Amino acid sequence: MSSRMGDFKPMMNVGSISISQRVLATLKQAGAEIIVVVTGYRAEELERHLAKSNVVFLRNESFASTQMFDSAVIGLDFLRGKCDRILLTPVDIPLFTAETALALLAHSSDLVMPICGGETGHPILISARAAGTLVSDSGEGGLRAAMQRSGHDIQYVSVSDKGTLHDADTPEDYRALLTYHNRQILRPVVDVQLAAEKPFFDSRMAMLLFLIDDTSSVRLACRQMQISYSSGWNLINSSEEELGLRLVDRCQGGTGGSRTTLTPEGRDLMERYREFSSQLKSDAAELFEKHFGGVFSV
């Protein structure tokens, strides 16, 4: 609830973008395919702020009476059946680098933490197996205590990235974050669009299909993306019109209520797009390093 800061931390700027936008940008740079933002305090405001980021929004409706661990569990429970490994961080530690995230991902342990100057930081890498254990924990003592009780080995990876430690609990911390931010380098940003006569399929459409597949509901999928129900159907209809095939099956009414599922063609297109986009982003990062490595260091 940003009580010590005196302002709403997720929407405070670090340079020209907000703290929350910075975290999302770094996770995407590291190759994250699905990003979940667990909201609570001022949820609608933050969700609107990040609505164009193509992330999944989940809410801790009991944020005022629960701990950060409970919000972490909401995200872990959603992701553990969809990802092999999960990076978890609080929003107020926004300046870890993509290189640090990739260093954690290079290890196969169930729990991996960065350590810088003798201090452990964020993000934390959690395997799907460990996530299943953590969501069943009591949460007493917070996430790190739950990790210690989990029975999974914790691996510590030494990094020189001070951004794993910097938080923004006070105005002084915030000013230190700004100084550190100004020394960061540029990054490539790649968003893939498929086009026929006009563009019809991009990362937003891929995320919408993913959530429809997960929830069997266009309405709920749109809610989790913070887009309107009509906008969701417009995206679907435009894509289907350009492709000349159905991407979703609509089933209205019945005893179980309305239900929407992906057609085989829709699921195949979504999976091919995600694989193509992931490979292209990886290639772009290599090309960026080849052509611009070191050029933009401040």
Protein backbone atom coordinates (compact mmCIF):
# COMPACT_ATOMS: atom_id res chain seq x y z
CA MET A 1 0.00 0.00 0.00
CA SER A 2 3.11 2.26 -0.27
CA SER A 3 2.51 3.60 3.25
CA ARG A 4 6.13 4.59 3.86
CA MET A 5 6.66 6.12 0.42
CA GLY A 6 3.63 8.40 0.65
CA ASP A 7 2.84 7.77 -3.02
CA PHE A 8 1.64 4.79 -5.07
CA LYS A 9 4.94 3.08 -5.89
CA PRO A 10 3.93 0.97 -8.91
CA MET A 11 3.01 4.11 -10.86
CA MET A 12 5.92 6.32 -9.80
CA ASN A 13 8.39 6.96 -12.59
CA VAL A 14 11.92 5.62 -12.90
CA GLY A 15 13.18 7.80 -15.71
CA SER A 16 10.42 8.15 -18.29
CA ILE A 17 8.48 4.98 -17.42
CA SER A 18 6.83 3.79 -14.22
CA ILE A 19 8.32 1.32 -11.77
CA SER A 20 5.81 -1.34 -12.82
CA GLN A 21 6.44 -0.73 -16.52
CA ARG A 22 10.16 -1.10 -15.91
CA VAL A 23 9.68 -4.53 -14.29
CA LEU A 24 7.52 -5.72 -17.18
CA ALA A 25 10.03 -4.46 -19.75
CA THR A 26 12.89 -6.33 -18.07
CA LEU A 27 10.93 -9.57 -17.79
CA LYS A 28 9.98 -9.35 -21.46
CA GLN A 29 13.59 -8.62 -22.39
CA ALA A 30 14.54 -11.81 -20.54
CA GLY A 31 12.06 -13.77 -22.65
CA ALA A 32 9.11 -14.19 -20.28
CA GLU A 33 6.15 -15.51 -22.27
CA ILE A 34 3.42 -14.99 -19.66
CA ILE A 35 3.56 -12.19 -17.09
CA VAL A 36 1.06 -12.03 -14.23
CA VAL A 37 0.52 -8.83 -12.26
CA VAL A 38 -1.21 -9.46 -8.93
CA THR A 39 -3.04 -6.31 -7.89
CA GLY A 40 -4.88 -5.25 -4.74
CA TYR A 41 -4.60 -1.70 -3.46
CA ARG A 42 -5.81 0.74 -6.17
CA ALA A 43 -6.16 -2.25 -8.46
CA GLU A 44 -8.29 -0.67 -11.17
CA GLU A 45 -5.96 2.31 -11.46
CA LEU A 46 -2.87 0.12 -11.84
CA GLU A 47 -4.59 -2.25 -14.26
CA ARG A 48 -5.61 0.67 -16.48
CA HIS A 49 -2.04 1.98 -16.32
CA LEU A 50 -0.68 -1.35 -17.60
CA ALA A 51 -3.62 -2.30 -19.82
CA LYS A 52 -1.61 -2.18 -23.06
CA SER A 53 1.23 -4.32 -21.71
CA ASN A 54 -0.31 -7.68 -22.71
CA VAL A 55 -0.11 -9.15 -19.22
CA VAL A 56 -2.54 -11.14 -17.08
CA PHE A 57 -4.13 -9.30 -14.15
CA LEU A 58 -5.18 -11.24 -11.05
CA ARG A 59 -6.44 -9.63 -7.87
CA ASN A 60 -5.89 -10.20 -4.20
CA GLU A 61 -9.24 -8.85 -3.07
CA SER A 62 -8.17 -9.29 0.57
CA PHE A 63 -4.95 -7.27 0.19
CA ALA A 64 -5.66 -5.10 3.24
CA SER A 65 -5.87 -8.08 5.60
CA THR A 66 -3.33 -10.48 4.04
CA GLN A 67 0.41 -10.56 3.48
CA MET A 68 2.57 -10.28 0.35
CA PHE A 69 2.91 -14.08 0.49
CA ASP A 70 -0.82 -14.42 -0.23
CA SER A 71 -0.47 -12.30 -3.38
CA ALA A 72 2.52 -14.38 -4.45
CA VAL A 73 0.47 -17.56 -4.04
CA ILE A 74 -2.24 -16.19 -6.36
CA GLY A 75 0.32 -15.70 -9.11
CA LEU A 76 2.18 -18.97 -8.48
CA ASP A 77 -1.04 -20.97 -8.45
CA PHE A 78 -2.05 -19.54 -11.82
CA LEU A 79 1.34 -20.10 -13.46
CA ARG A 80 2.49 -23.45 -12.07
CA GLY A 81 0.46 -25.46 -14.58
CA LYS A 82 1.48 -23.24 -17.50
CA CYS A 83 5.22 -22.64 -17.02
CA ASP A 84 8.22 -24.80 -16.18
CA ARG A 85 9.87 -21.99 -14.24
CA ILE A 86 8.64 -18.73 -12.77
CA LEU A 87 10.42 -15.48 -11.91
CA LEU A 88 8.84 -13.71 -8.95
CA THR A 89 9.54 -10.19 -7.73
CA PRO A 90 7.78 -7.48 -5.74
CA VAL A 91 7.06 -4.40 -7.84
CA ASP A 92 9.30 -2.14 -5.76
CA ILE A 93 12.54 -3.82 -6.83
CA PRO A 94 12.41 -2.74 -10.47
CA LEU A 95 16.03 -2.38 -11.53
CA PHE A 96 17.35 -5.93 -11.77
CA THR A 97 18.64 -6.59 -15.27
CA ALA A 98 17.56 -9.06 -17.92
CA GLU A 99 21.05 -10.53 -17.68
CA THR A 100 20.42 -11.39 -14.03
CA ALA A 101 17.09 -13.01 -14.89
CA LEU A 102 18.81 -15.08 -17.60
CA ALA A 103 21.58 -16.07 -15.17
CA LEU A 104 18.94 -17.46 -12.80
CA LEU A 105 17.16 -19.26 -15.64
CA ALA A 106 20.42 -20.95 -16.60
CA HIS A 107 20.23 -23.04 -13.41
CA SER A 108 17.99 -26.08 -13.06
CA SER A 109 17.42 -26.00 -9.29
CA ASP A 110 13.84 -25.71 -8.00
CA LEU A 111 14.61 -22.48 -6.13
CA VAL A 112 17.28 -20.00 -7.26
CA MET A 113 18.07 -16.64 -5.67
CA PRO A 114 20.52 -13.91 -6.73
CA ILE A 115 23.09 -12.79 -4.19
CA CYS A 116 24.94 -9.49 -4.51
CA GLY A 117 27.49 -8.24 -2.01
CA GLY A 118 26.46 -10.94 0.44
CA GLU A 119 22.76 -10.00 0.30
CA THR A 120 20.00 -12.00 -1.37
CA GLY A 121 17.67 -10.15 -3.70
CA HIS A 122 15.08 -10.47 -6.44
CA PRO A 123 13.81 -11.86 -8.72
CA ILE A 124 13.50 -15.37 -7.31
CA LEU A 125 13.35 -18.33 -9.68
CA ILE A 126 10.76 -20.94 -8.70
CA SER A 127 10.16 -24.19 -10.58
CA ALA A 128 6.61 -25.38 -11.23
CA ARG A 129 7.28 -28.24 -8.81
CA ALA A 130 8.39 -25.87 -6.04
CA ALA A 131 5.46 -23.56 -6.78
CA GLY A 132 3.11 -26.45 -6.09
CA THR A 133 4.70 -26.87 -2.66
CA LEU A 134 4.69 -23.17 -1.84
CA VAL A 135 1.00 -22.61 -2.62
CA SER A 136 0.16 -25.22 0.02
CA ASP A 137 2.31 -23.56 2.69
CA SER A 138 0.84 -21.65 5.64
CA GLY A 139 2.84 -18.55 4.70
CA GLU A 140 4.04 -18.03 8.26
CA GLY A 141 7.17 -15.91 8.14
CA GLY A 142 6.67 -14.97 4.50
CA LEU A 143 7.91 -16.42 1.24
CA ARG A 144 11.50 -17.00 2.28
CA ALA A 145 10.44 -18.96 5.35
CA ALA A 146 8.11 -21.00 3.14
CA MET A 147 11.02 -21.68 0.79
CA GLN A 148 13.12 -22.92 3.70
CA ARG A 149 10.31 -25.26 4.77
CA SER A 150 9.59 -26.50 1.25
CA GLY A 151 12.19 -29.26 1.21
CA HIS A 152 13.54 -27.99 -2.11
CA ASP A 153 17.20 -27.04 -2.38
CA ILE A 154 17.87 -23.30 -2.69
CA GLN A 155 20.68 -22.32 -5.00
CA TYR A 156 22.33 -18.93 -4.66
CA VAL A 157 23.77 -17.29 -7.78
CA SER A 158 26.37 -14.55 -7.32
CA VAL A 159 25.66 -11.47 -9.46
CA SER A 160 27.10 -7.95 -9.61
CA ASP A 161 23.65 -6.47 -10.28
CA LYS A 162 22.85 -4.02 -7.48
CA GLY A 163 19.37 -3.66 -8.97
CA THR A 164 18.49 -6.98 -7.30
CA LEU A 165 18.73 -5.20 -3.93
CA HIS A 166 17.45 -1.66 -4.55
CA ASP A 167 13.90 -1.12 -3.37
CA ALA A 168 11.80 2.00 -3.07
CA ASP A 169 10.43 2.08 0.45
CA THR A 170 11.47 5.68 1.09
CA PRO A 171 12.14 8.85 -0.99
CA GLU A 172 15.87 8.31 -0.41
CA ASP A 173 15.62 4.80 -1.86
CA TYR A 174 13.72 6.23 -4.79
CA ARG A 175 16.42 8.78 -5.60
CA ALA A 176 19.04 6.01 -5.49
CA LEU A 177 16.91 4.04 -7.94
CA LEU A 178 16.87 6.97 -10.35
CA THR A 179 20.66 7.28 -10.23
CA TYR A 180 21.07 3.58 -10.91
CA HIS A 181 18.48 3.66 -13.71
CA ASN A 182 20.40 6.35 -15.57
CA ARG A 183 23.36 3.98 -15.93
CA GLN A 184 21.36 1.29 -17.69
CA ILE A 185 21.73 0.44 -21.37
CA LEU A 186 19.16 0.42 -24.14
CA ARG A 187 17.41 -2.77 -25.25
CA PRO A 188 15.69 -4.02 -28.39
CA VAL A 189 11.90 -4.17 -28.30
CA VAL A 190 10.30 -6.62 -30.73
CA ASP A 191 6.56 -7.09 -31.15
CA VAL A 192 5.56 -9.43 -33.97
CA GLN A 193 2.55 -8.74 -36.15
CA LEU A 194 1.14 -11.11 -38.75
CA ALA A 195 -0.52 -9.43 -41.71
CA ALA A 196 -2.49 -10.36 -44.80
CA GLU A 197 -4.11 -7.35 -46.48
CA LYS A 198 -3.70 -5.66 -43.09
CA PRO A 199 -2.18 -6.62 -39.72
CA PHE A 200 -4.49 -9.01 -37.89
CA PHE A 201 -2.53 -10.99 -35.28
CA ASP A 202 -0.10 -9.73 -32.65
CA SER A 203 0.96 -10.36 -29.05
CA ARG A 204 -2.33 -9.00 -27.71
CA MET A 205 -4.33 -11.41 -29.86
CA ALA A 206 -2.05 -14.29 -28.86
CA MET A 207 -2.58 -13.47 -25.17
CA LEU A 208 -6.35 -13.26 -25.69
CA LEU A 209 -6.42 -16.72 -27.26
CA PHE A 210 -4.23 -18.07 -24.47
CA LEU A 211 -6.61 -16.79 -21.81
CA ILE A 212 -9.70 -17.99 -23.68
CA ASP A 213 -8.10 -21.42 -23.79
CA ASP A 214 -7.42 -21.21 -20.05
CA THR A 215 -10.78 -19.81 -18.91
CA SER A 216 -13.19 -20.99 -21.66
CA SER A 217 -14.62 -17.48 -21.51
CA VAL A 218 -14.05 -14.45 -23.71
CA ARG A 219 -15.51 -12.22 -21.02
CA LEU A 220 -13.13 -13.46 -18.31
CA ALA A 221 -10.17 -13.42 -20.70
CA CYS A 222 -10.90 -9.78 -21.54
CA ARG A 223 -11.25 -8.92 -17.85
CA GLN A 224 -7.86 -10.46 -17.07
CA MET A 225 -6.31 -8.37 -19.86
CA GLN A 226 -8.18 -5.17 -18.97
CA ILE A 227 -9.77 -4.83 -22.40
CA SER A 228 -13.48 -4.44 -23.07
CA TYR A 229 -15.61 -7.43 -24.04
CA SER A 230 -16.50 -5.78 -27.35
CA SER A 231 -12.82 -5.07 -28.10
CA GLY A 232 -12.00 -8.71 -27.48
CA TRP A 233 -14.62 -9.87 -29.96
CA ASN A 234 -13.46 -7.26 -32.47
CA LEU A 235 -9.95 -8.70 -32.30
CA ILE A 236 -11.26 -12.22 -32.80
CA ASN A 237 -13.60 -11.29 -35.64
CA SER A 238 -10.92 -9.28 -37.48
CA SER A 239 -8.43 -12.13 -37.27
CA GLU A 240 -10.97 -14.69 -38.42
CA GLU A 241 -11.98 -12.48 -41.33
CA GLU A 242 -8.39 -12.03 -42.51
CA LEU A 243 -7.60 -15.73 -42.15
CA GLY A 244 -10.86 -17.05 -43.52
CA LEU A 245 -11.21 -19.57 -40.70
CA ARG A 246 -12.61 -19.77 -37.18
CA LEU A 247 -10.26 -19.39 -34.23
CA VAL A 248 -12.84 -19.93 -31.46
CA ASP A 249 -15.96 -22.03 -31.05
CA ARG A 250 -18.89 -20.22 -29.48
CA CYS A 251 -21.38 -22.19 -27.41
CA GLN A 252 -24.25 -20.13 -25.98
CA GLY A 253 -26.42 -21.00 -22.99
CA GLY A 254 -27.17 -24.49 -21.73
CA THR A 255 -27.11 -25.77 -18.17
CA GLY A 256 -23.43 -24.91 -17.81
CA GLY A 257 -23.80 -21.41 -19.29
CA SER A 258 -21.98 -20.06 -22.33
CA ARG A 259 -18.56 -21.46 -23.13
CA THR A 260 -15.92 -20.49 -25.69
CA THR A 261 -13.06 -22.76 -26.72
CA LEU A 262 -10.28 -22.54 -29.27
CA THR A 263 -10.66 -24.42 -32.51
CA PRO A 264 -7.75 -26.71 -33.46
CA GLU A 265 -6.73 -24.03 -35.97
CA GLY A 266 -6.88 -21.34 -33.29
CA ARG A 267 -4.72 -23.31 -30.87
CA ASP A 268 -2.23 -24.18 -33.62
CA LEU A 269 -1.94 -20.53 -34.69
CA MET A 270 -1.44 -19.37 -31.09
CA GLU A 271 1.30 -21.92 -30.44
CA ARG A 272 3.08 -21.24 -33.72
CA TYR A 273 2.97 -17.49 -33.09
CA ARG A 274 4.39 -17.86 -29.57
CA GLU A 275 7.24 -20.09 -30.79
CA PHE A 276 8.04 -17.79 -33.72
CA SER A 277 7.90 -14.66 -31.56
CA SER A 278 10.12 -16.21 -28.89
CA GLN A 279 12.74 -17.24 -31.44
CA LEU A 280 12.66 -13.86 -33.15
CA LYS A 281 13.15 -12.01 -29.87
CA SER A 282 16.09 -14.26 -29.01
CA ASP A 283 17.68 -13.61 -32.39
CA ALA A 284 17.04 -9.88 -32.03
CA ALA A 285 18.84 -9.81 -28.66
CA GLU A 286 21.89 -11.47 -30.22
CA LEU A 287 21.88 -9.07 -33.16
CA PHE A 288 21.47 -6.10 -30.84
CA GLU A 289 24.50 -7.17 -28.82
CA LYS A 290 26.50 -7.71 -32.02
CA HIS A 291 25.70 -4.30 -33.50
CA PHE A 292 25.14 -2.10 -30.45
CA GLY A 293 26.88 -3.84 -27.54
CA GLY A 294 28.56 -1.21 -25.39
CA VAL A 295 27.54 1.70 -27.63
CA PHE A 296 24.84 3.05 -25.32
CA SER A 297 26.53 2.53 -21.95
CA VAL A 298 26.10 5.63 -19.82
